[in-house]
PDB file of N, CA and C in Angstrom:
ATOM      1  N   UNK A   1      16.223 -16.839  11.150  1.00  0.00           N
ATOM      2  CA  UNK A   1      16.095 -15.997   9.981  1.00  0.00           C
ATOM      3  C   UNK A   1      14.661 -16.070   9.478  1.00  0.00           C
ATOM      4  N   UNK A   2      14.102 -14.938   9.090  1.00  0.00           N
ATOM      5  CA  UNK A   2      12.769 -14.873   8.494  1.00  0.00           C
ATOM      6  C   UNK A   2      12.918 -14.896   6.977  1.00  0.00           C
ATOM      7  N   UNK A   3      12.222 -15.843   6.350  1.00  0.00           N
ATOM      8  CA  UNK A   3      12.337 -16.030   4.905  1.00  0.00           C
ATOM      9  C   UNK A   3      10.963 -15.901   4.269  1.00  0.00           C
ATOM     10  N   UNK A   4      10.826 -14.962   3.348  1.00  0.00           N
ATOM     11  CA  UNK A   4       9.624 -14.841   2.532  1.00  0.00           C
ATOM     12  C   UNK A   4       9.845 -15.591   1.228  1.00  0.00           C
ATOM     13  N   UNK A   5       8.760 -16.120   0.675  1.00  0.00           N
ATOM     14  CA  UNK A   5       8.869 -16.913  -0.560  1.00  0.00           C
ATOM     15  C   UNK A   5       7.848 -16.418  -1.571  1.00  0.00           C
ATOM     16  N   UNK A   6       8.259 -16.360  -2.837  1.00  0.00           N
ATOM     17  CA  UNK A   6       7.334 -16.076  -3.931  1.00  0.00           C
ATOM     18  C   UNK A   6       7.372 -17.251  -4.911  1.00  0.00           C
ATOM     19  N   UNK A   7       6.202 -17.726  -5.294  1.00  0.00           N
ATOM     20  CA  UNK A   7       6.071 -18.832  -6.255  1.00  0.00           C
ATOM     21  C   UNK A   7       5.325 -18.298  -7.475  1.00  0.00           C
ATOM     22  N   UNK A   8       5.918 -18.418  -8.657  1.00  0.00           N
ATOM     23  CA  UNK A   8       5.279 -17.890  -9.855  1.00  0.00           C
ATOM     24  C   UNK A   8       5.035 -18.935 -10.942  1.00  0.00           C
ATOM     25  N   UNK A   9       5.030 -20.193 -10.570  1.00  0.00           N
ATOM     26  CA  UNK A   9       4.727 -21.278 -11.526  1.00  0.00           C
ATOM     27  C   UNK A   9       3.650 -22.175 -10.937  1.00  0.00           C
ATOM     28  N   UNK A  10       2.876 -22.794 -11.805  1.00  0.00           N
ATOM     29  CA  UNK A  10       1.795 -23.672 -11.371  1.00  0.00           C
ATOM     30  C   UNK A  10       2.293 -24.952 -10.735  1.00  0.00           C
ATOM     31  N   UNK A  11       1.387 -25.708 -10.121  1.00  0.00           N
ATOM     32  CA  UNK A  11       1.798 -26.881  -9.347  1.00  0.00           C
ATOM     33  C   UNK A  11       2.241 -28.089 -10.159  1.00  0.00           C
ATOM     34  N   UNK A  12       1.795 -28.222 -11.397  1.00  0.00           N
ATOM     35  CA  UNK A  12       2.102 -29.449 -12.132  1.00  0.00           C
ATOM     36  C   UNK A  12       2.776 -29.219 -13.478  1.00  0.00           C
ATOM     37  N   UNK A  13       3.063 -27.967 -13.832  1.00  0.00           N
ATOM     38  CA  UNK A  13       3.702 -27.726 -15.118  1.00  0.00           C
ATOM     39  C   UNK A  13       5.158 -27.308 -14.986  1.00  0.00           C
ATOM     40  N   UNK A  14       5.665 -27.244 -13.759  1.00  0.00           N
ATOM     41  CA  UNK A  14       7.031 -26.792 -13.514  1.00  0.00           C
ATOM     42  C   UNK A  14       7.439 -27.264 -12.131  1.00  0.00           C
ATOM     43  N   UNK A  15       8.696 -27.437 -11.872  1.00  0.00           N
ATOM     44  CA  UNK A  15       9.161 -27.929 -10.575  1.00  0.00           C
ATOM     45  C   UNK A  15       9.219 -26.837  -9.508  1.00  0.00           C
ATOM     46  N   UNK A  16       8.985 -25.587  -9.883  1.00  0.00           N
ATOM     47  CA  UNK A  16       9.156 -24.464  -8.955  1.00  0.00           C
ATOM     48  C   UNK A  16       8.316 -24.604  -7.691  1.00  0.00           C
ATOM     49  N   UNK A  17       7.074 -25.025  -7.819  1.00  0.00           N
ATOM     50  CA  UNK A  17       6.211 -25.139  -6.644  1.00  0.00           C
ATOM     51  C   UNK A  17       6.695 -26.231  -5.697  1.00  0.00           C
ATOM     52  N   UNK A  18       7.052 -27.384  -6.244  1.00  0.00           N
ATOM     53  CA  UNK A  18       7.592 -28.472  -5.412  1.00  0.00           C
ATOM     54  C   UNK A  18       8.863 -28.018  -4.699  1.00  0.00           C
ATOM     55  N   UNK A  19       9.750 -27.366  -5.430  1.00  0.00           N
ATOM     56  CA  UNK A  19      11.004 -26.912  -4.839  1.00  0.00           C
ATOM     57  C   UNK A  19      10.756 -25.863  -3.760  1.00  0.00           C
ATOM     58  N   UNK A  20       9.825 -24.943  -4.011  1.00  0.00           N
ATOM     59  CA  UNK A  20       9.494 -23.917  -3.014  1.00  0.00           C
ATOM     60  C   UNK A  20       8.924 -24.553  -1.757  1.00  0.00           C
ATOM     61  N   UNK A  21       8.031 -25.517  -1.924  1.00  0.00           N
ATOM     62  CA  UNK A  21       7.444 -26.201  -0.771  1.00  0.00           C
ATOM     63  C   UNK A  21       8.523 -26.919   0.040  1.00  0.00           C
ATOM     64  N   UNK A  22       9.378 -27.669  -0.638  1.00  0.00           N
ATOM     65  CA  UNK A  22      10.438 -28.396   0.059  1.00  0.00           C
ATOM     66  C   UNK A  22      11.412 -27.437   0.750  1.00  0.00           C
ATOM     67  N   UNK A  23      11.700 -26.328   0.100  1.00  0.00           N
ATOM     68  CA  UNK A  23      12.564 -25.312   0.698  1.00  0.00           C
ATOM     69  C   UNK A  23      11.929 -24.751   1.972  1.00  0.00           C
ATOM     70  N   UNK A  24      10.646 -24.395   1.891  1.00  0.00           N
ATOM     71  CA  UNK A  24       9.935 -23.834   3.050  1.00  0.00           C
ATOM     72  C   UNK A  24       9.893 -24.834   4.196  1.00  0.00           C
ATOM     73  N   UNK A  25       9.543 -26.059   3.894  1.00  0.00           N
ATOM     74  CA  UNK A  25       9.455 -27.093   4.932  1.00  0.00           C
ATOM     75  C   UNK A  25      10.809 -27.322   5.605  1.00  0.00           C
ATOM     76  N   UNK A  26      11.860 -27.400   4.791  1.00  0.00           N
ATOM     77  CA  UNK A  26      13.200 -27.621   5.326  1.00  0.00           C
ATOM     78  C   UNK A  26      13.660 -26.426   6.155  1.00  0.00           C
ATOM     79  N   UNK A  27      13.386 -25.220   5.679  1.00  0.00           N
ATOM     80  CA  UNK A  27      13.771 -24.023   6.434  1.00  0.00           C
ATOM     81  C   UNK A  27      13.113 -24.021   7.808  1.00  0.00           C
ATOM     82  N   UNK A  28      11.835 -24.373   7.862  1.00  0.00           N
ATOM     83  CA  UNK A  28      11.116 -24.425   9.136  1.00  0.00           C
ATOM     84  C   UNK A  28      11.703 -25.507  10.036  1.00  0.00           C
ATOM     85  N   UNK A  29      11.990 -26.669   9.450  1.00  0.00           N
ATOM     86  CA  UNK A  29      12.591 -27.760  10.230  1.00  0.00           C
ATOM     87  C   UNK A  29      13.950 -27.369  10.806  1.00  0.00           C
ATOM     88  N   UNK A  30      14.670 -26.500  10.111  1.00  0.00           N
ATOM     89  CA  UNK A  30      15.991 -26.055  10.569  1.00  0.00           C
ATOM     90  C   UNK A  30      15.902 -24.873  11.538  1.00  0.00           C
ATOM     91  N   UNK A  31      14.678 -24.471  11.889  1.00  0.00           N
ATOM     92  CA  UNK A  31      14.500 -23.415  12.879  1.00  0.00           C
ATOM     93  C   UNK A  31      14.274 -22.016  12.338  1.00  0.00           C
ATOM     94  N   UNK A  32      14.180 -21.880  11.032  1.00  0.00           N
ATOM     95  CA  UNK A  32      13.904 -20.577  10.436  1.00  0.00           C
ATOM     96  C   UNK A  32      12.399 -20.327  10.416  1.00  0.00           C
ATOM     97  N   UNK A  33      12.016 -19.094  10.190  1.00  0.00           N
ATOM     98  CA  UNK A  33      10.615 -18.712  10.106  1.00  0.00           C
ATOM     99  C   UNK A  33      10.266 -18.419   8.656  1.00  0.00           C
ATOM    100  N   UNK A  34       9.115 -18.930   8.206  1.00  0.00           N
ATOM    101  CA  UNK A  34       8.592 -18.617   6.877  1.00  0.00           C
ATOM    102  C   UNK A  34       7.208 -18.005   7.097  1.00  0.00           C
ATOM    103  N   UNK A  35       7.161 -16.691   7.312  1.00  0.00           N
ATOM    104  CA  UNK A  35       5.883 -16.074   7.637  1.00  0.00           C
ATOM    105  C   UNK A  35       4.902 -15.986   6.470  1.00  0.00           C
ATOM    106  N   UNK A  36       5.409 -15.908   5.245  1.00  0.00           N
ATOM    107  CA  UNK A  36       4.497 -15.733   4.111  1.00  0.00           C
ATOM    108  C   UNK A  36       5.060 -16.369   2.842  1.00  0.00           C
ATOM    109  N   UNK A  37       4.132 -16.982   2.078  1.00  0.00           N
ATOM    110  CA  UNK A  37       4.422 -17.424   0.709  1.00  0.00           C
ATOM    111  C   UNK A  37       3.439 -16.670  -0.177  1.00  0.00           C
ATOM    112  N   UNK A  38       3.965 -15.981  -1.175  1.00  0.00           N
ATOM    113  CA  UNK A  38       3.144 -15.190  -2.092  1.00  0.00           C
ATOM    114  C   UNK A  38       3.101 -15.905  -3.434  1.00  0.00           C
ATOM    115  N   UNK A  39       1.906 -16.162  -3.934  1.00  0.00           N
ATOM    116  CA  UNK A  39       1.713 -16.862  -5.201  1.00  0.00           C
ATOM    117  C   UNK A  39       1.342 -15.835  -6.271  1.00  0.00           C
ATOM    118  N   UNK A  40       2.152 -15.801  -7.335  1.00  0.00           N
ATOM    119  CA  UNK A  40       2.048 -14.772  -8.359  1.00  0.00           C
ATOM    120  C   UNK A  40       2.052 -15.430  -9.736  1.00  0.00           C
ATOM    121  N   UNK A  41       1.601 -14.735 -10.742  1.00  0.00           N
ATOM    122  CA  UNK A  41       1.486 -15.250 -12.114  1.00  0.00           C
ATOM    123  C   UNK A  41       0.811 -16.626 -12.084  1.00  0.00           C
ATOM    124  N   UNK A  42       1.349 -17.627 -12.787  1.00  0.00           N
ATOM    125  CA  UNK A  42       0.733 -18.955 -12.796  1.00  0.00           C
ATOM    126  C   UNK A  42       0.830 -19.661 -11.442  1.00  0.00           C
ATOM    127  N   UNK A  43       1.620 -19.121 -10.543  1.00  0.00           N
ATOM    128  CA  UNK A  43       1.716 -19.682  -9.198  1.00  0.00           C
ATOM    129  C   UNK A  43       0.396 -19.666  -8.448  1.00  0.00           C
ATOM    130  N   UNK A  44      -0.530 -18.792  -8.855  1.00  0.00           N
ATOM    131  CA  UNK A  44      -1.838 -18.743  -8.185  1.00  0.00           C
ATOM    132  C   UNK A  44      -2.596 -20.062  -8.334  1.00  0.00           C
ATOM    133  N   UNK A  45      -2.243 -20.858  -9.339  1.00  0.00           N
ATOM    134  CA  UNK A  45      -2.914 -22.150  -9.542  1.00  0.00           C
ATOM    135  C   UNK A  45      -2.578 -23.154  -8.443  1.00  0.00           C
ATOM    136  N   UNK A  46      -1.629 -22.835  -7.594  1.00  0.00           N
ATOM    137  CA  UNK A  46      -1.337 -23.684  -6.433  1.00  0.00           C
ATOM    138  C   UNK A  46      -2.427 -23.592  -5.372  1.00  0.00           C
ATOM    139  N   UNK A  47      -3.316 -22.628  -5.497  1.00  0.00           N
ATOM    140  CA  UNK A  47      -4.273 -22.327  -4.428  1.00  0.00           C
ATOM    141  C   UNK A  47      -5.663 -22.934  -4.617  1.00  0.00           C
ATOM    142  N   UNK A  48      -5.951 -23.507  -5.737  1.00  0.00           N
ATOM    143  CA  UNK A  48      -7.319 -23.955  -6.002  1.00  0.00           C
ATOM    144  C   UNK A  48      -7.603 -25.349  -5.448  1.00  0.00           C
ATOM    145  N   UNK A  49      -8.731 -25.456  -4.771  1.00  0.00           N
ATOM    146  CA  UNK A  49      -9.145 -26.755  -4.231  1.00  0.00           C
ATOM    147  C   UNK A  49      -9.760 -27.640  -5.314  1.00  0.00           C
ATOM    148  N   UNK A  50      -9.839 -27.152  -6.542  1.00  0.00           N
ATOM    149  CA  UNK A  50     -10.461 -27.907  -7.635  1.00  0.00           C
ATOM    150  C   UNK A  50      -9.514 -28.911  -8.291  1.00  0.00           C
ATOM    151  N   UNK A  51      -8.234 -28.877  -7.946  1.00  0.00           N
ATOM    152  CA  UNK A  51      -7.303 -29.841  -8.536  1.00  0.00           C
ATOM    153  C   UNK A  51      -7.520 -31.218  -7.912  1.00  0.00           C
ATOM    154  N   UNK A  52      -7.438 -32.234  -8.728  1.00  0.00           N
ATOM    155  CA  UNK A  52      -7.576 -33.614  -8.263  1.00  0.00           C
ATOM    156  C   UNK A  52      -6.510 -34.475  -8.929  1.00  0.00           C
ATOM    157  N   UNK A  53      -5.304 -34.467  -8.387  1.00  0.00           N
ATOM    158  CA  UNK A  53      -4.250 -35.299  -8.977  1.00  0.00           C
ATOM    159  C   UNK A  53      -4.559 -36.781  -8.760  1.00  0.00           C
ATOM    160  N   UNK A  54      -3.996 -37.655  -9.585  1.00  0.00           N
ATOM    161  CA  UNK A  54      -4.186 -39.087  -9.403  1.00  0.00           C
ATOM    162  C   UNK A  54      -3.727 -39.524  -8.003  1.00  0.00           C
ATOM    163  N   UNK A  55      -4.275 -40.609  -7.505  1.00  0.00           N
ATOM    164  CA  UNK A  55      -3.970 -41.078  -6.150  1.00  0.00           C
ATOM    165  C   UNK A  55      -2.484 -41.377  -5.941  1.00  0.00           C
ATOM    166  N   UNK A  56      -1.799 -41.778  -7.002  1.00  0.00           N
ATOM    167  CA  UNK A  56      -0.381 -42.126  -6.856  1.00  0.00           C
ATOM    168  C   UNK A  56       0.544 -40.926  -7.088  1.00  0.00           C
ATOM    169  N   UNK A  57      -0.036 -39.724  -7.224  1.00  0.00           N
ATOM    170  CA  UNK A  57       0.761 -38.516  -7.439  1.00  0.00           C
ATOM    171  C   UNK A  57       0.667 -37.628  -6.201  1.00  0.00           C
ATOM    172  N   UNK A  58       1.619 -36.730  -6.055  1.00  0.00           N
ATOM    173  CA  UNK A  58       1.605 -35.816  -4.921  1.00  0.00           C
ATOM    174  C   UNK A  58       0.490 -34.787  -5.110  1.00  0.00           C
ATOM    175  N   UNK A  59      -0.071 -34.319  -3.997  1.00  0.00           N
ATOM    176  CA  UNK A  59      -1.097 -33.287  -4.043  1.00  0.00           C
ATOM    177  C   UNK A  59      -0.450 -31.992  -3.559  1.00  0.00           C
ATOM    178  N   UNK A  60       0.022 -31.200  -4.495  1.00  0.00           N
ATOM    179  CA  UNK A  60       0.783 -29.998  -4.180  1.00  0.00           C
ATOM    180  C   UNK A  60      -0.062 -29.009  -3.377  1.00  0.00           C
ATOM    181  N   UNK A  61      -1.306 -28.835  -3.747  1.00  0.00           N
ATOM    182  CA  UNK A  61      -2.179 -27.885  -3.050  1.00  0.00           C
ATOM    183  C   UNK A  61      -2.348 -28.297  -1.588  1.00  0.00           C
ATOM    184  N   UNK A  62      -2.595 -29.577  -1.346  1.00  0.00           N
ATOM    185  CA  UNK A  62      -2.748 -30.053   0.033  1.00  0.00           C
ATOM    186  C   UNK A  62      -1.466 -29.882   0.839  1.00  0.00           C
ATOM    187  N   UNK A  63      -0.332 -30.037   0.194  1.00  0.00           N
ATOM    188  CA  UNK A  63       0.944 -29.821   0.890  1.00  0.00           C
ATOM    189  C   UNK A  63       1.037 -28.393   1.422  1.00  0.00           C
ATOM    190  N   UNK A  64       0.701 -27.426   0.568  1.00  0.00           N
ATOM    191  CA  UNK A  64       0.737 -26.027   0.988  1.00  0.00           C
ATOM    192  C   UNK A  64      -0.257 -25.777   2.119  1.00  0.00           C
ATOM    193  N   UNK A  65      -1.461 -26.305   1.987  1.00  0.00           N
ATOM    194  CA  UNK A  65      -2.482 -26.117   3.033  1.00  0.00           C
ATOM    195  C   UNK A  65      -2.007 -26.677   4.365  1.00  0.00           C
ATOM    196  N   UNK A  66      -1.402 -27.845   4.336  1.00  0.00           N
ATOM    197  CA  UNK A  66      -0.898 -28.474   5.564  1.00  0.00           C
ATOM    198  C   UNK A  66       0.234 -27.657   6.177  1.00  0.00           C
ATOM    199  N   UNK A  67       1.113 -27.112   5.342  1.00  0.00           N
ATOM    200  CA  UNK A  67       2.199 -26.269   5.839  1.00  0.00           C
ATOM    201  C   UNK A  67       1.633 -25.042   6.557  1.00  0.00           C
ATOM    202  N   UNK A  68       0.607 -24.450   5.976  1.00  0.00           N
ATOM    203  CA  UNK A  68      -0.025 -23.284   6.603  1.00  0.00           C
ATOM    204  C   UNK A  68      -0.669 -23.662   7.933  1.00  0.00           C
ATOM    205  N   UNK A  69      -1.357 -24.783   7.951  1.00  0.00           N
ATOM    206  CA  UNK A  69      -2.032 -25.236   9.160  1.00  0.00           C
ATOM    207  C   UNK A  69      -1.035 -25.574  10.267  1.00  0.00           C
ATOM    208  N   UNK A  70       0.004 -26.293   9.923  1.00  0.00           N
ATOM    209  CA  UNK A  70       0.964 -26.765  10.927  1.00  0.00           C
ATOM    210  C   UNK A  70       1.906 -25.673  11.441  1.00  0.00           C
ATOM    211  N   UNK A  71       2.221 -24.700  10.590  1.00  0.00           N
ATOM    212  CA  UNK A  71       3.268 -23.737  10.951  1.00  0.00           C
ATOM    213  C   UNK A  71       2.840 -22.279  10.856  1.00  0.00           C
ATOM    214  N   UNK A  72       1.563 -22.028  10.598  1.00  0.00           N
ATOM    215  CA  UNK A  72       1.076 -20.652  10.557  1.00  0.00           C
ATOM    216  C   UNK A  72       1.606 -19.827   9.403  1.00  0.00           C
ATOM    217  N   UNK A  73       1.945 -20.472   8.307  1.00  0.00           N
ATOM    218  CA  UNK A  73       2.451 -19.758   7.131  1.00  0.00           C
ATOM    219  C   UNK A  73       1.273 -19.075   6.429  1.00  0.00           C
ATOM    220  N   UNK A  74       1.430 -17.811   6.129  1.00  0.00           N
ATOM    221  CA  UNK A  74       0.417 -17.024   5.435  1.00  0.00           C
ATOM    222  C   UNK A  74       0.557 -17.275   3.938  1.00  0.00           C
ATOM    223  N   UNK A  75      -0.423 -17.932   3.330  1.00  0.00           N
ATOM    224  CA  UNK A  75      -0.396 -18.245   1.899  1.00  0.00           C
ATOM    225  C   UNK A  75      -1.245 -17.210   1.166  1.00  0.00           C
ATOM    226  N   UNK A  76      -0.587 -16.299   0.463  1.00  0.00           N
ATOM    227  CA  UNK A  76      -1.267 -15.175  -0.176  1.00  0.00           C
ATOM    228  C   UNK A  76      -1.263 -15.351  -1.692  1.00  0.00           C
ATOM    229  N   UNK A  77      -2.448 -15.211  -2.280  1.00  0.00           N
ATOM    230  CA  UNK A  77      -2.643 -15.328  -3.723  1.00  0.00           C
ATOM    231  C   UNK A  77      -2.840 -13.924  -4.291  1.00  0.00           C
ATOM    232  N   UNK A  78      -2.068 -13.564  -5.289  1.00  0.00           N
ATOM    233  CA  UNK A  78      -2.195 -12.245  -5.914  1.00  0.00           C
ATOM    234  C   UNK A  78      -3.581 -12.098  -6.537  1.00  0.00           C
ATOM    235  N   UNK A  79      -4.292 -11.049  -6.162  1.00  0.00           N
ATOM    236  CA  UNK A  79      -5.660 -10.851  -6.633  1.00  0.00           C
ATOM    237  C   UNK A  79      -5.728 -10.675  -8.151  1.00  0.00           C
ATOM    238  N   UNK A  80      -4.857  -9.858  -8.720  1.00  0.00           N
ATOM    239  CA  UNK A  80      -4.906  -9.606 -10.163  1.00  0.00           C
ATOM    240  C   UNK A  80      -4.567 -10.863 -10.961  1.00  0.00           C
ATOM    241  N   UNK A  81      -3.497 -11.545 -10.569  1.00  0.00           N
ATOM    242  CA  UNK A  81      -3.108 -12.773 -11.268  1.00  0.00           C
ATOM    243  C   UNK A  81      -4.171 -13.849 -11.085  1.00  0.00           C
ATOM    244  N   UNK A  82      -4.762 -13.906  -9.906  1.00  0.00           N
ATOM    245  CA  UNK A  82      -5.808 -14.888  -9.637  1.00  0.00           C
ATOM    246  C   UNK A  82      -7.039 -14.659 -10.491  1.00  0.00           C
ATOM    247  N   UNK A  83      -7.511 -13.424 -10.553  1.00  0.00           N
ATOM    248  CA  UNK A  83      -8.710 -13.130 -11.334  1.00  0.00           C
ATOM    249  C   UNK A  83      -8.501 -13.430 -12.813  1.00  0.00           C
ATOM    250  N   UNK A  84      -7.298 -13.165 -13.319  1.00  0.00           N
ATOM    251  CA  UNK A  84      -7.005 -13.488 -14.728  1.00  0.00           C
ATOM    252  C   UNK A  84      -7.130 -14.982 -15.008  1.00  0.00           C
ATOM    253  N   UNK A  85      -6.931 -15.788 -13.961  1.00  0.00           N
ATOM    254  CA  UNK A  85      -6.936 -17.241 -14.126  1.00  0.00           C
ATOM    255  C   UNK A  85      -8.160 -17.899 -13.480  1.00  0.00           C
ATOM    256  N   UNK A  86      -9.144 -17.105 -13.112  1.00  0.00           N
ATOM    257  CA  UNK A  86     -10.388 -17.638 -12.559  1.00  0.00           C
ATOM    258  C   UNK A  86     -10.303 -18.064 -11.103  1.00  0.00           C
ATOM    259  N   UNK A  87      -9.300 -17.594 -10.389  1.00  0.00           N
ATOM    260  CA  UNK A  87      -9.135 -17.946  -8.978  1.00  0.00           C
ATOM    261  C   UNK A  87      -9.848 -16.886  -8.138  1.00  0.00           C
ATOM    262  N   UNK A  88     -10.871 -17.322  -7.411  1.00  0.00           N
ATOM    263  CA  UNK A  88     -11.631 -16.439  -6.529  1.00  0.00           C
ATOM    264  C   UNK A  88     -11.743 -17.102  -5.165  1.00  0.00           C
ATOM    265  N   UNK A  89     -12.216 -16.350  -4.195  1.00  0.00           N
ATOM    266  CA  UNK A  89     -12.317 -16.844  -2.819  1.00  0.00           C
ATOM    267  C   UNK A  89     -13.030 -18.186  -2.702  1.00  0.00           C
ATOM    268  N   UNK A  90     -14.078 -18.379  -3.496  1.00  0.00           N
ATOM    269  CA  UNK A  90     -14.900 -19.586  -3.333  1.00  0.00           C
ATOM    270  C   UNK A  90     -14.229 -20.879  -3.790  1.00  0.00           C
ATOM    271  N   UNK A  91     -13.099 -20.780  -4.465  1.00  0.00           N
ATOM    272  CA  UNK A  91     -12.408 -22.019  -4.868  1.00  0.00           C
ATOM    273  C   UNK A  91     -11.042 -22.181  -4.205  1.00  0.00           C
ATOM    274  N   UNK A  92     -10.736 -21.320  -3.243  1.00  0.00           N
ATOM    275  CA  UNK A  92      -9.441 -21.425  -2.564  1.00  0.00           C
ATOM    276  C   UNK A  92      -9.393 -22.637  -1.640  1.00  0.00           C
ATOM    277  N   UNK A  93      -8.260 -23.294  -1.632  1.00  0.00           N
ATOM    278  CA  UNK A  93      -8.017 -24.393  -0.697  1.00  0.00           C
ATOM    279  C   UNK A  93      -7.801 -23.803   0.700  1.00  0.00           C
ATOM    280  N   UNK A  94      -7.961 -24.605   1.734  1.00  0.00           N
ATOM    281  CA  UNK A  94      -7.747 -24.112   3.096  1.00  0.00           C
ATOM    282  C   UNK A  94      -6.348 -23.521   3.275  1.00  0.00           C
ATOM    283  N   UNK A  95      -6.281 -22.413   4.010  1.00  0.00           N
ATOM    284  CA  UNK A  95      -5.008 -21.772   4.312  1.00  0.00           C
ATOM    285  C   UNK A  95      -4.615 -20.667   3.351  1.00  0.00           C
ATOM    286  N   UNK A  96      -5.255 -20.596   2.192  1.00  0.00           N
ATOM    287  CA  UNK A  96      -4.943 -19.565   1.203  1.00  0.00           C
ATOM    288  C   UNK A  96      -5.889 -18.374   1.360  1.00  0.00           C
ATOM    289  N   UNK A  97      -5.388 -17.202   1.006  1.00  0.00           N
ATOM    290  CA  UNK A  97      -6.230 -16.007   0.971  1.00  0.00           C
ATOM    291  C   UNK A  97      -5.795 -15.135  -0.197  1.00  0.00           C
ATOM    292  N   UNK A  98      -6.704 -14.315  -0.674  1.00  0.00           N
ATOM    293  CA  UNK A  98      -6.420 -13.426  -1.798  1.00  0.00           C
ATOM    294  C   UNK A  98      -6.094 -12.039  -1.267  1.00  0.00           C
ATOM    295  N   UNK A  99      -5.056 -11.427  -1.819  1.00  0.00           N
ATOM    296  CA  UNK A  99      -4.677 -10.065  -1.460  1.00  0.00           C
ATOM    297  C   UNK A  99      -3.850  -9.478  -2.593  1.00  0.00           C
ATOM    298  N   UNK A 100      -3.337  -8.274  -2.379  1.00  0.00           N
ATOM    299  CA  UNK A 100      -2.608  -7.577  -3.424  1.00  0.00           C
ATOM    300  C   UNK A 100      -1.103  -7.680  -3.308  1.00  0.00           C
ATOM    301  N   UNK A 101      -0.433  -7.034  -4.250  1.00  0.00           N
ATOM    302  CA  UNK A 101       1.030  -7.044  -4.305  1.00  0.00           C
ATOM    303  C   UNK A 101       1.672  -6.408  -3.077  1.00  0.00           C
ATOM    304  N   UNK A 102       0.920  -5.610  -2.345  1.00  0.00           N
ATOM    305  CA  UNK A 102       1.449  -5.017  -1.126  1.00  0.00           C
ATOM    306  C   UNK A 102       1.919  -6.071  -0.137  1.00  0.00           C
ATOM    307  N   UNK A 103       1.280  -7.243  -0.169  1.00  0.00           N
ATOM    308  CA  UNK A 103       1.686  -8.337   0.717  1.00  0.00           C
ATOM    309  C   UNK A 103       3.061  -8.878   0.342  1.00  0.00           C
ATOM    310  N   UNK A 104       3.377  -8.857  -0.948  1.00  0.00           N
ATOM    311  CA  UNK A 104       4.710  -9.271  -1.391  1.00  0.00           C
ATOM    312  C   UNK A 104       5.747  -8.241  -0.956  1.00  0.00           C
ATOM    313  N   UNK A 105       5.431  -6.971  -1.148  1.00  0.00           N
ATOM    314  CA  UNK A 105       6.333  -5.894  -0.729  1.00  0.00           C
ATOM    315  C   UNK A 105       6.569  -5.974   0.774  1.00  0.00           C
ATOM    316  N   UNK A 106       5.501  -6.171   1.540  1.00  0.00           N
ATOM    317  CA  UNK A 106       5.628  -6.276   2.986  1.00  0.00           C
ATOM    318  C   UNK A 106       6.533  -7.435   3.393  1.00  0.00           C
ATOM    319  N   UNK A 107       6.381  -8.572   2.721  1.00  0.00           N
ATOM    320  CA  UNK A 107       7.252  -9.723   3.009  1.00  0.00           C
ATOM    321  C   UNK A 107       8.708  -9.378   2.720  1.00  0.00           C
ATOM    322  N   UNK A 108       8.946  -8.671   1.631  1.00  0.00           N
ATOM    323  CA  UNK A 108      10.300  -8.274   1.279  1.00  0.00           C
ATOM    324  C   UNK A 108      10.920  -7.335   2.301  1.00  0.00           C
ATOM    325  N   UNK A 109      10.089  -6.499   2.906  1.00  0.00           N
ATOM    326  CA  UNK A 109      10.577  -5.552   3.907  1.00  0.00           C
ATOM    327  C   UNK A 109      10.787  -6.239   5.252  1.00  0.00           C
ATOM    328  N   UNK A 110       9.835  -7.073   5.664  1.00  0.00           N
ATOM    329  CA  UNK A 110       9.861  -7.655   7.001  1.00  0.00           C
ATOM    330  C   UNK A 110      10.751  -8.887   7.134  1.00  0.00           C
ATOM    331  N   UNK A 111      11.034  -9.546   6.028  1.00  0.00           N
ATOM    332  CA  UNK A 111      11.846 -10.766   6.085  1.00  0.00           C
ATOM    333  C   UNK A 111      13.316 -10.438   5.824  1.00  0.00           C
ATOM    334  N   UNK A 112      14.180 -11.323   6.312  1.00  0.00           N
ATOM    335  CA  UNK A 112      15.612 -11.168   6.063  1.00  0.00           C
ATOM    336  C   UNK A 112      15.958 -11.501   4.612  1.00  0.00           C
ATOM    337  N   UNK A 113      15.205 -12.430   4.042  1.00  0.00           N
ATOM    338  CA  UNK A 113      15.424 -12.839   2.655  1.00  0.00           C
ATOM    339  C   UNK A 113      14.059 -13.037   1.975  1.00  0.00           C
ATOM    340  N   UNK A 114      14.009 -12.763   0.674  1.00  0.00           N
ATOM    341  CA  UNK A 114      12.845 -13.068  -0.147  1.00  0.00           C
ATOM    342  C   UNK A 114      13.349 -13.957  -1.271  1.00  0.00           C
ATOM    343  N   UNK A 115      12.919 -15.214  -1.275  1.00  0.00           N
ATOM    344  CA  UNK A 115      13.400 -16.189  -2.239  1.00  0.00           C
ATOM    345  C   UNK A 115      12.294 -16.452  -3.262  1.00  0.00           C
ATOM    346  N   UNK A 116      12.630 -16.402  -4.538  1.00  0.00           N
ATOM    347  CA  UNK A 116      11.631 -16.603  -5.591  1.00  0.00           C
ATOM    348  C   UNK A 116      11.859 -17.940  -6.294  1.00  0.00           C
ATOM    349  N   UNK A 117      10.752 -18.555  -6.682  1.00  0.00           N
ATOM    350  CA  UNK A 117      10.786 -19.824  -7.399  1.00  0.00           C
ATOM    351  C   UNK A 117       9.910 -19.682  -8.623  1.00  0.00           C
ATOM    352  N   UNK A 118      10.500 -19.918  -9.788  1.00  0.00           N
ATOM    353  CA  UNK A 118       9.799 -19.776 -11.061  1.00  0.00           C
ATOM    354  C   UNK A 118      10.324 -18.586 -11.842  1.00  0.00           C
ATOM    355  N   UNK A 119       9.753 -18.382 -13.021  1.00  0.00           N
ATOM    356  CA  UNK A 119      10.209 -17.291 -13.898  1.00  0.00           C
ATOM    357  C   UNK A 119       9.906 -15.946 -13.326  1.00  0.00           C
TER     358      UNK A 119
END
């Protein structure tokens, strides 16, 4: 099964990003495909390489980058939501790219399911 994911909450102010990451990782481990994760609204804050969590805390951004590297997941950051929050190409973590809402629509069309995490 092909599963698209949308994340609309930031990495440290809500559990949505952690849950989305764990869902994506588990789906891949179970043999499903996760071709794209779309980050929208405050979810775009998952993409910045400027976050520096304490050493004893999880690094949500690095988790997403590693998932993209290991499994070819396309991590797309909404351009409009990103610009509102100061997210531009020069601060993106590895594996993330900026694009428009058309990428979310495309995921909804091409995937068997589109699962959303956050408000």
